[in-house]
N, C-alpha and C. Protein backbone atom coordinates (compact mmCIF):
# COMPACT_ATOMS: atom_id res chain seq x y z
N UNK A 1 5.87 -27.29 17.43
CA UNK A 1 4.97 -27.60 18.50
C UNK A 1 3.76 -26.68 18.46
N UNK A 2 3.97 -25.40 18.12
CA UNK A 2 2.83 -24.50 18.03
C UNK A 2 1.86 -24.93 16.95
N UNK A 3 2.39 -25.43 15.84
CA UNK A 3 1.50 -25.92 14.78
C UNK A 3 0.60 -27.02 15.33
N UNK A 4 1.19 -27.94 16.04
CA UNK A 4 0.43 -29.06 16.61
C UNK A 4 -0.62 -28.54 17.58
N UNK A 5 -0.22 -27.62 18.47
CA UNK A 5 -1.15 -27.08 19.47
C UNK A 5 -2.31 -26.34 18.81
N UNK A 6 -2.04 -25.67 17.70
CA UNK A 6 -3.08 -24.93 17.00
C UNK A 6 -3.88 -25.82 16.04
N UNK A 7 -3.37 -27.02 15.78
CA UNK A 7 -4.04 -27.93 14.85
C UNK A 7 -3.79 -27.59 13.39
N UNK A 8 -2.67 -26.95 13.11
CA UNK A 8 -2.33 -26.53 11.75
C UNK A 8 -1.17 -27.36 11.22
N UNK A 9 -1.13 -27.50 9.89
CA UNK A 9 0.03 -28.05 9.21
C UNK A 9 0.54 -26.98 8.26
N UNK A 10 1.60 -26.30 8.66
CA UNK A 10 2.13 -25.18 7.88
C UNK A 10 3.41 -25.55 7.13
N UNK A 11 3.70 -26.85 7.03
CA UNK A 11 4.94 -27.30 6.42
C UNK A 11 5.15 -26.71 5.03
N UNK A 12 4.10 -26.69 4.24
CA UNK A 12 4.21 -26.16 2.88
C UNK A 12 4.63 -24.69 2.90
N UNK A 13 4.12 -23.93 3.85
CA UNK A 13 4.49 -22.52 3.95
C UNK A 13 5.94 -22.34 4.39
N UNK A 14 6.40 -23.23 5.26
CA UNK A 14 7.81 -23.17 5.67
C UNK A 14 8.73 -23.52 4.51
N UNK A 15 8.33 -24.49 3.73
CA UNK A 15 9.15 -24.90 2.58
C UNK A 15 9.21 -23.82 1.51
N UNK A 16 8.14 -23.05 1.37
CA UNK A 16 8.06 -22.10 0.27
C UNK A 16 8.38 -20.66 0.66
N UNK A 17 8.50 -20.37 1.94
CA UNK A 17 8.65 -18.97 2.35
C UNK A 17 9.82 -18.81 3.32
N UNK A 18 10.84 -18.13 2.85
CA UNK A 18 12.05 -17.90 3.65
C UNK A 18 11.74 -17.17 4.96
N UNK A 19 10.86 -16.17 4.92
CA UNK A 19 10.53 -15.43 6.13
C UNK A 19 9.87 -16.32 7.19
N UNK A 20 9.07 -17.28 6.77
CA UNK A 20 8.46 -18.20 7.74
C UNK A 20 9.55 -19.00 8.44
N UNK A 21 10.52 -19.48 7.68
CA UNK A 21 11.63 -20.23 8.29
C UNK A 21 12.45 -19.32 9.21
N UNK A 22 12.67 -18.10 8.76
CA UNK A 22 13.44 -17.15 9.56
C UNK A 22 12.73 -16.85 10.88
N UNK A 23 11.43 -16.60 10.83
CA UNK A 23 10.66 -16.29 12.04
C UNK A 23 10.77 -17.44 13.04
N UNK A 24 10.60 -18.66 12.55
CA UNK A 24 10.69 -19.83 13.44
C UNK A 24 12.09 -19.93 14.04
N UNK A 25 13.11 -19.72 13.23
CA UNK A 25 14.49 -19.79 13.73
C UNK A 25 14.79 -18.72 14.75
N UNK A 26 14.23 -17.53 14.57
CA UNK A 26 14.47 -16.44 15.53
C UNK A 26 13.82 -16.73 16.88
N UNK A 27 12.65 -17.35 16.86
CA UNK A 27 12.01 -17.72 18.13
C UNK A 27 12.87 -18.76 18.85
N UNK A 28 13.37 -19.73 18.13
CA UNK A 28 14.23 -20.76 18.73
C UNK A 28 15.49 -20.12 19.30
N UNK A 29 16.11 -19.23 18.54
CA UNK A 29 17.32 -18.54 18.99
C UNK A 29 17.04 -17.75 20.27
N UNK A 30 15.93 -17.03 20.29
CA UNK A 30 15.55 -16.24 21.46
C UNK A 30 15.40 -17.16 22.67
N UNK A 31 14.70 -18.26 22.49
CA UNK A 31 14.49 -19.22 23.60
C UNK A 31 15.83 -19.71 24.14
N UNK A 32 16.75 -20.05 23.25
CA UNK A 32 18.05 -20.59 23.67
C UNK A 32 18.81 -19.57 24.50
N UNK A 33 18.90 -18.33 24.02
CA UNK A 33 19.69 -17.33 24.74
C UNK A 33 19.03 -16.92 26.06
N UNK A 34 17.72 -16.81 26.09
CA UNK A 34 17.05 -16.52 27.37
C UNK A 34 17.34 -17.64 28.35
N UNK A 35 17.23 -18.88 27.91
CA UNK A 35 17.53 -20.01 28.78
C UNK A 35 18.97 -19.96 29.27
N UNK A 36 19.90 -19.68 28.38
CA UNK A 36 21.31 -19.66 28.77
C UNK A 36 21.60 -18.59 29.81
N UNK A 37 20.98 -17.41 29.66
CA UNK A 37 21.20 -16.34 30.63
C UNK A 37 20.68 -16.74 32.00
N UNK A 38 19.46 -17.23 32.05
CA UNK A 38 18.83 -17.51 33.34
C UNK A 38 19.28 -18.83 33.96
N UNK A 39 19.67 -19.80 33.15
CA UNK A 39 20.07 -21.10 33.70
C UNK A 39 21.52 -21.13 34.13
N UNK A 40 22.30 -20.11 33.76
CA UNK A 40 23.73 -20.13 34.05
C UNK A 40 24.05 -20.35 35.53
N UNK A 41 23.44 -19.62 36.47
CA UNK A 41 23.79 -19.87 37.89
C UNK A 41 23.53 -21.30 38.32
N UNK A 42 22.42 -21.89 37.88
CA UNK A 42 22.11 -23.27 38.24
C UNK A 42 23.12 -24.22 37.60
N UNK A 43 23.47 -23.97 36.36
CA UNK A 43 24.44 -24.82 35.67
C UNK A 43 25.83 -24.66 36.29
N UNK A 44 26.16 -23.46 36.72
CA UNK A 44 27.42 -23.23 37.43
C UNK A 44 27.47 -24.06 38.70
N UNK A 45 26.38 -24.04 39.45
CA UNK A 45 26.29 -24.83 40.68
C UNK A 45 26.45 -26.32 40.40
N UNK A 46 25.88 -26.78 39.29
CA UNK A 46 25.92 -28.20 38.95
C UNK A 46 27.21 -28.60 38.24
N UNK A 47 28.07 -27.64 37.93
CA UNK A 47 29.32 -27.94 37.24
C UNK A 47 29.16 -28.17 35.75
N UNK A 48 28.03 -27.77 35.19
CA UNK A 48 27.78 -27.93 33.76
C UNK A 48 28.41 -26.77 33.00
N UNK A 49 28.96 -27.06 31.84
CA UNK A 49 29.64 -26.01 31.07
C UNK A 49 29.21 -26.00 29.61
N UNK A 50 27.97 -26.36 29.33
CA UNK A 50 27.45 -26.32 27.97
C UNK A 50 26.41 -25.21 27.92
N UNK A 51 26.87 -24.00 27.63
CA UNK A 51 26.02 -22.83 27.69
C UNK A 51 26.75 -21.72 26.94
N UNK A 52 26.01 -20.85 26.29
CA UNK A 52 26.64 -19.77 25.53
C UNK A 52 27.41 -18.81 26.44
N UNK A 53 27.05 -18.75 27.73
CA UNK A 53 27.80 -17.91 28.66
C UNK A 53 29.24 -18.40 28.74
N UNK A 54 29.44 -19.70 28.89
CA UNK A 54 30.79 -20.27 28.96
C UNK A 54 31.54 -20.06 27.66
N UNK A 55 30.83 -20.20 26.54
CA UNK A 55 31.48 -20.04 25.24
C UNK A 55 32.05 -18.63 25.09
N UNK A 56 31.23 -17.62 25.41
CA UNK A 56 31.71 -16.24 25.29
C UNK A 56 32.79 -15.93 26.32
N UNK A 57 32.66 -16.45 27.53
CA UNK A 57 33.70 -16.23 28.53
C UNK A 57 35.00 -16.89 28.10
N UNK A 58 34.89 -18.00 27.39
CA UNK A 58 36.06 -18.69 26.86
C UNK A 58 36.77 -17.89 25.79
N UNK A 59 36.09 -16.90 25.23
CA UNK A 59 36.70 -16.01 24.24
C UNK A 59 37.27 -14.75 24.89
N UNK A 60 37.32 -14.76 26.23
CA UNK A 60 37.99 -13.69 26.94
C UNK A 60 37.08 -12.62 27.54
N UNK A 61 35.77 -12.77 27.38
CA UNK A 61 34.86 -11.78 27.95
C UNK A 61 34.66 -12.05 29.45
N UNK A 62 34.47 -10.99 30.22
CA UNK A 62 34.13 -11.15 31.64
C UNK A 62 32.69 -11.66 31.74
N UNK A 63 32.30 -12.10 32.92
CA UNK A 63 30.93 -12.57 33.13
C UNK A 63 29.93 -11.46 32.80
N UNK A 64 30.17 -10.26 33.33
CA UNK A 64 29.23 -9.16 33.08
C UNK A 64 29.17 -8.80 31.60
N UNK A 65 30.32 -8.74 30.93
CA UNK A 65 30.33 -8.44 29.49
C UNK A 65 29.60 -9.52 28.70
N UNK A 66 29.76 -10.75 29.13
CA UNK A 66 29.07 -11.86 28.48
C UNK A 66 27.57 -11.74 28.63
N UNK A 67 27.10 -11.48 29.85
CA UNK A 67 25.67 -11.34 30.08
C UNK A 67 25.10 -10.14 29.33
N UNK A 68 25.85 -9.05 29.31
CA UNK A 68 25.42 -7.87 28.54
C UNK A 68 25.31 -8.20 27.05
N UNK A 69 26.28 -8.92 26.54
CA UNK A 69 26.29 -9.30 25.12
C UNK A 69 25.10 -10.21 24.80
N UNK A 70 24.87 -11.21 25.64
CA UNK A 70 23.76 -12.13 25.40
C UNK A 70 22.41 -11.41 25.52
N UNK A 71 22.30 -10.50 26.48
CA UNK A 71 21.06 -9.73 26.60
C UNK A 71 20.84 -8.90 25.33
N UNK A 72 21.90 -8.28 24.81
CA UNK A 72 21.78 -7.48 23.59
C UNK A 72 21.39 -8.35 22.40
N UNK A 73 21.99 -9.53 22.30
CA UNK A 73 21.64 -10.46 21.21
C UNK A 73 20.18 -10.85 21.32
N UNK A 74 19.72 -11.10 22.53
CA UNK A 74 18.34 -11.52 22.74
C UNK A 74 17.36 -10.41 22.35
N UNK A 75 17.66 -9.18 22.75
CA UNK A 75 16.80 -8.05 22.40
C UNK A 75 16.80 -7.85 20.88
N UNK A 76 17.95 -7.94 20.25
CA UNK A 76 18.03 -7.79 18.80
C UNK A 76 17.29 -8.92 18.09
N UNK A 77 17.37 -10.12 18.61
CA UNK A 77 16.66 -11.26 18.02
C UNK A 77 15.14 -11.03 18.07
N UNK A 78 14.68 -10.50 19.19
CA UNK A 78 13.25 -10.19 19.30
C UNK A 78 12.85 -9.13 18.27
N UNK A 79 13.67 -8.11 18.10
CA UNK A 79 13.38 -7.07 17.10
C UNK A 79 13.37 -7.66 15.69
N UNK A 80 14.30 -8.57 15.41
CA UNK A 80 14.34 -9.22 14.10
C UNK A 80 13.09 -10.06 13.88
N UNK A 81 12.63 -10.75 14.94
CA UNK A 81 11.38 -11.53 14.82
C UNK A 81 10.22 -10.61 14.48
N UNK A 82 10.11 -9.50 15.19
CA UNK A 82 8.99 -8.57 14.96
C UNK A 82 9.03 -8.05 13.51
N UNK A 83 10.20 -7.68 13.02
CA UNK A 83 10.32 -7.19 11.64
C UNK A 83 9.95 -8.29 10.64
N UNK A 84 10.40 -9.52 10.90
CA UNK A 84 10.10 -10.64 10.01
C UNK A 84 8.60 -10.95 10.04
N UNK A 85 8.03 -10.98 11.23
CA UNK A 85 6.59 -11.22 11.37
C UNK A 85 5.81 -10.17 10.59
N UNK A 86 6.19 -8.91 10.74
CA UNK A 86 5.48 -7.84 10.05
C UNK A 86 5.59 -7.97 8.53
N UNK A 87 6.77 -8.38 8.03
CA UNK A 87 6.93 -8.60 6.58
C UNK A 87 5.98 -9.69 6.10
N UNK A 88 5.86 -10.76 6.88
CA UNK A 88 4.96 -11.86 6.51
C UNK A 88 3.52 -11.36 6.50
N UNK A 89 3.14 -10.65 7.56
CA UNK A 89 1.75 -10.18 7.67
C UNK A 89 1.41 -9.15 6.60
N UNK A 90 2.40 -8.39 6.13
CA UNK A 90 2.17 -7.40 5.08
C UNK A 90 2.17 -8.02 3.69
N UNK A 91 2.57 -9.28 3.57
CA UNK A 91 2.62 -9.95 2.28
C UNK A 91 1.41 -10.82 2.05
N UNK A 92 1.48 -11.68 1.04
CA UNK A 92 0.32 -12.52 0.69
C UNK A 92 -0.10 -13.49 1.79
N UNK A 93 0.83 -13.91 2.63
CA UNK A 93 0.46 -14.84 3.71
C UNK A 93 -0.31 -14.14 4.83
N UNK A 94 -0.30 -12.81 4.84
CA UNK A 94 -1.01 -12.06 5.87
C UNK A 94 -2.52 -12.22 5.83
N UNK A 95 -3.05 -12.76 4.72
CA UNK A 95 -4.48 -13.01 4.61
C UNK A 95 -4.87 -14.41 5.08
N UNK A 96 -3.87 -15.22 5.42
CA UNK A 96 -4.14 -16.60 5.84
C UNK A 96 -4.35 -16.61 7.37
N UNK A 97 -5.55 -16.93 7.84
CA UNK A 97 -5.82 -16.89 9.28
C UNK A 97 -4.95 -17.85 10.10
N UNK A 98 -4.53 -18.95 9.50
CA UNK A 98 -3.65 -19.88 10.22
C UNK A 98 -2.26 -19.27 10.41
N UNK A 99 -1.77 -18.58 9.40
CA UNK A 99 -0.46 -17.92 9.50
C UNK A 99 -0.54 -16.80 10.53
N UNK A 100 -1.59 -16.02 10.48
CA UNK A 100 -1.76 -14.92 11.44
C UNK A 100 -1.79 -15.47 12.86
N UNK A 101 -2.55 -16.51 13.10
CA UNK A 101 -2.64 -17.12 14.44
C UNK A 101 -1.29 -17.69 14.86
N UNK A 102 -0.61 -18.35 13.95
CA UNK A 102 0.69 -18.94 14.25
C UNK A 102 1.70 -17.86 14.65
N UNK A 103 1.77 -16.78 13.88
CA UNK A 103 2.72 -15.71 14.19
C UNK A 103 2.38 -15.02 15.51
N UNK A 104 1.11 -14.86 15.79
CA UNK A 104 0.70 -14.29 17.07
C UNK A 104 1.18 -15.18 18.22
N UNK A 105 0.97 -16.47 18.08
CA UNK A 105 1.40 -17.41 19.13
C UNK A 105 2.92 -17.47 19.26
N UNK A 106 3.64 -17.29 18.15
CA UNK A 106 5.10 -17.26 18.24
C UNK A 106 5.56 -16.07 19.08
N UNK A 107 4.90 -14.93 18.90
CA UNK A 107 5.21 -13.77 19.75
C UNK A 107 4.92 -14.06 21.21
N UNK A 108 3.79 -14.72 21.47
CA UNK A 108 3.46 -15.11 22.85
C UNK A 108 4.49 -16.10 23.39
N UNK A 109 5.02 -16.95 22.53
CA UNK A 109 6.03 -17.92 22.97
C UNK A 109 7.29 -17.20 23.43
N UNK A 110 7.67 -16.14 22.74
CA UNK A 110 8.84 -15.36 23.15
C UNK A 110 8.60 -14.72 24.51
N UNK A 111 7.49 -14.01 24.64
CA UNK A 111 7.25 -13.31 25.91
C UNK A 111 6.97 -14.29 27.04
N UNK A 112 6.29 -15.38 26.75
CA UNK A 112 6.01 -16.37 27.78
C UNK A 112 7.26 -17.07 28.27
N UNK A 113 8.18 -17.37 27.36
CA UNK A 113 9.44 -18.00 27.74
C UNK A 113 10.26 -17.06 28.61
N UNK A 114 10.29 -15.79 28.25
CA UNK A 114 11.02 -14.82 29.04
C UNK A 114 10.41 -14.69 30.44
N UNK A 115 9.10 -14.62 30.51
CA UNK A 115 8.44 -14.52 31.81
C UNK A 115 8.70 -15.78 32.66
N UNK A 116 8.60 -16.94 32.05
CA UNK A 116 8.87 -18.19 32.77
C UNK A 116 10.26 -18.15 33.40
N UNK A 117 11.25 -17.78 32.60
CA UNK A 117 12.63 -17.78 33.09
C UNK A 117 12.85 -16.71 34.17
N UNK A 118 12.16 -15.60 34.08
CA UNK A 118 12.28 -14.56 35.10
C UNK A 118 11.66 -14.99 36.42
N UNK A 119 10.61 -15.81 36.37
CA UNK A 119 9.81 -16.10 37.56
C UNK A 119 10.03 -17.49 38.17
N UNK A 120 10.48 -18.44 37.40
CA UNK A 120 10.45 -19.82 37.83
C UNK A 120 11.36 -20.13 39.02
N UNK A 121 10.86 -20.95 39.93
CA UNK A 121 11.69 -21.41 41.05
C UNK A 121 12.79 -22.36 40.55
N UNK A 122 12.66 -22.84 39.33
CA UNK A 122 13.69 -23.71 38.75
C UNK A 122 15.06 -23.02 38.78
N UNK A 123 15.07 -21.70 38.56
CA UNK A 123 16.33 -20.96 38.54
C UNK A 123 16.50 -20.00 39.71
N UNK A 124 15.42 -19.66 40.41
CA UNK A 124 15.49 -18.63 41.44
C UNK A 124 15.17 -19.14 42.84
N UNK A 125 14.95 -20.44 43.00
CA UNK A 125 14.60 -20.97 44.31
C UNK A 125 13.11 -20.79 44.59
N UNK A 126 12.67 -21.41 45.66
CA UNK A 126 11.24 -21.41 45.97
C UNK A 126 10.79 -20.16 46.72
N UNK A 127 11.71 -19.44 47.33
CA UNK A 127 11.31 -18.32 48.17
C UNK A 127 11.46 -16.97 47.48
N UNK A 128 12.17 -16.90 46.40
CA UNK A 128 12.42 -15.61 45.73
C UNK A 128 11.29 -15.26 44.79
N UNK A 129 10.77 -14.07 44.93
CA UNK A 129 9.71 -13.58 44.05
C UNK A 129 10.21 -12.33 43.34
N UNK A 130 10.03 -12.30 42.03
CA UNK A 130 10.46 -11.15 41.24
C UNK A 130 9.23 -10.36 40.80
N UNK A 131 9.09 -9.12 41.27
CA UNK A 131 7.97 -8.32 40.78
C UNK A 131 8.18 -7.94 39.32
N UNK A 132 7.10 -7.75 38.60
CA UNK A 132 7.20 -7.38 37.19
C UNK A 132 7.92 -6.06 37.00
N UNK A 133 7.93 -5.22 38.02
CA UNK A 133 8.58 -3.91 37.89
C UNK A 133 10.10 -4.02 37.84
N UNK A 134 10.67 -5.21 38.03
CA UNK A 134 12.12 -5.39 37.98
C UNK A 134 12.65 -5.48 36.56
N UNK A 135 11.81 -5.42 35.56
CA UNK A 135 12.26 -5.56 34.18
C UNK A 135 13.35 -4.54 33.87
N UNK A 136 14.44 -5.03 33.30
CA UNK A 136 15.51 -4.16 32.87
C UNK A 136 16.55 -3.84 33.92
N UNK A 137 16.48 -4.45 35.08
CA UNK A 137 17.45 -4.14 36.13
C UNK A 137 18.47 -5.26 36.26
N UNK A 138 19.64 -4.91 36.77
CA UNK A 138 20.67 -5.89 37.12
C UNK A 138 20.82 -5.85 38.63
N UNK A 139 20.71 -6.99 39.27
CA UNK A 139 20.79 -7.05 40.72
C UNK A 139 21.90 -8.02 41.13
N UNK A 140 23.00 -7.54 41.71
CA UNK A 140 24.03 -8.45 42.22
C UNK A 140 23.49 -9.23 43.41
N UNK A 141 23.77 -10.50 43.46
CA UNK A 141 23.28 -11.33 44.55
C UNK A 141 24.40 -12.23 45.04
N UNK A 142 24.92 -11.98 46.25
CA UNK A 142 26.01 -12.81 46.75
C UNK A 142 25.57 -14.21 47.13
N UNK A 143 24.32 -14.43 47.39
CA UNK A 143 23.83 -15.75 47.77
C UNK A 143 22.53 -16.04 47.03
N UNK A 144 22.46 -17.19 46.41
CA UNK A 144 21.25 -17.62 45.73
C UNK A 144 20.82 -18.95 46.33
N UNK A 145 19.54 -19.09 46.64
CA UNK A 145 19.02 -20.32 47.20
C UNK A 145 18.38 -21.13 46.09
N UNK A 146 18.81 -22.36 45.94
CA UNK A 146 18.21 -23.24 44.94
C UNK A 146 17.37 -24.29 45.63
N UNK A 147 17.40 -25.49 45.13
CA UNK A 147 16.54 -26.55 45.61
C UNK A 147 17.06 -27.19 46.89
N UNK A 148 18.29 -26.95 47.19
CA UNK A 148 18.89 -27.56 48.37
C UNK A 148 19.56 -26.47 49.21
N UNK A 149 20.72 -26.74 49.78
CA UNK A 149 21.35 -25.77 50.66
C UNK A 149 21.75 -24.49 49.92
N UNK A 150 22.12 -23.47 50.67
CA UNK A 150 22.55 -22.20 50.09
C UNK A 150 23.90 -22.37 49.44
N UNK A 151 24.04 -21.78 48.26
CA UNK A 151 25.30 -21.83 47.52
C UNK A 151 25.85 -20.41 47.51
N UNK A 152 27.06 -20.22 47.99
CA UNK A 152 27.67 -18.89 48.03
C UNK A 152 28.53 -18.66 46.80
N UNK A 153 27.96 -17.95 45.84
CA UNK A 153 28.68 -17.53 44.65
C UNK A 153 28.21 -16.13 44.32
N UNK A 154 29.04 -15.37 43.66
CA UNK A 154 28.62 -14.04 43.23
C UNK A 154 28.07 -14.15 41.82
N UNK A 155 26.79 -13.89 41.67
CA UNK A 155 26.12 -14.03 40.39
C UNK A 155 25.34 -12.75 40.13
N UNK A 156 25.23 -12.40 38.87
CA UNK A 156 24.42 -11.26 38.48
C UNK A 156 23.18 -11.79 37.79
N UNK A 157 22.01 -11.41 38.29
CA UNK A 157 20.76 -11.82 37.68
C UNK A 157 20.39 -10.78 36.64
N UNK A 158 20.09 -11.24 35.42
CA UNK A 158 19.72 -10.34 34.35
C UNK A 158 18.25 -10.52 34.08
N UNK A 159 17.53 -9.42 34.08
CA UNK A 159 16.12 -9.47 33.67
C UNK A 159 15.94 -8.44 32.57
N UNK A 160 15.08 -8.78 31.61
CA UNK A 160 14.86 -7.89 30.47
C UNK A 160 13.42 -7.48 30.43
């Protein structure tokens, strides 16, 4: 999608360069795990059980251990993306302005997705506002307000 938005066709570079494929895959992985962490309370409310939180809990981990594990995977995935991006930029593709722009936008996609999930009323209700200074905190919340009535469940909100 970023290629389309930028007006680039980088297919040849993806076919020929393992790091390009890896970088793209890491961004997708990061998006999935961020979504799973933040969407879990809403999916719990809706009775949905297709989420990596459920998968890890099914392997015997507690909810908190699961969220900690997913947060760690997400942070490590971001670090892997940065290392992969830097390898690409330090190599022959680093002189290609389309590759440079694409990799920059992929980094923005990671941070933008994380910010969206931290702030959106889709997962936090219409009245809850999260200041940017909350990064890195865990806040237990006995009641979360969604799109309809109040749902009483004990949920831990994870922000990174």
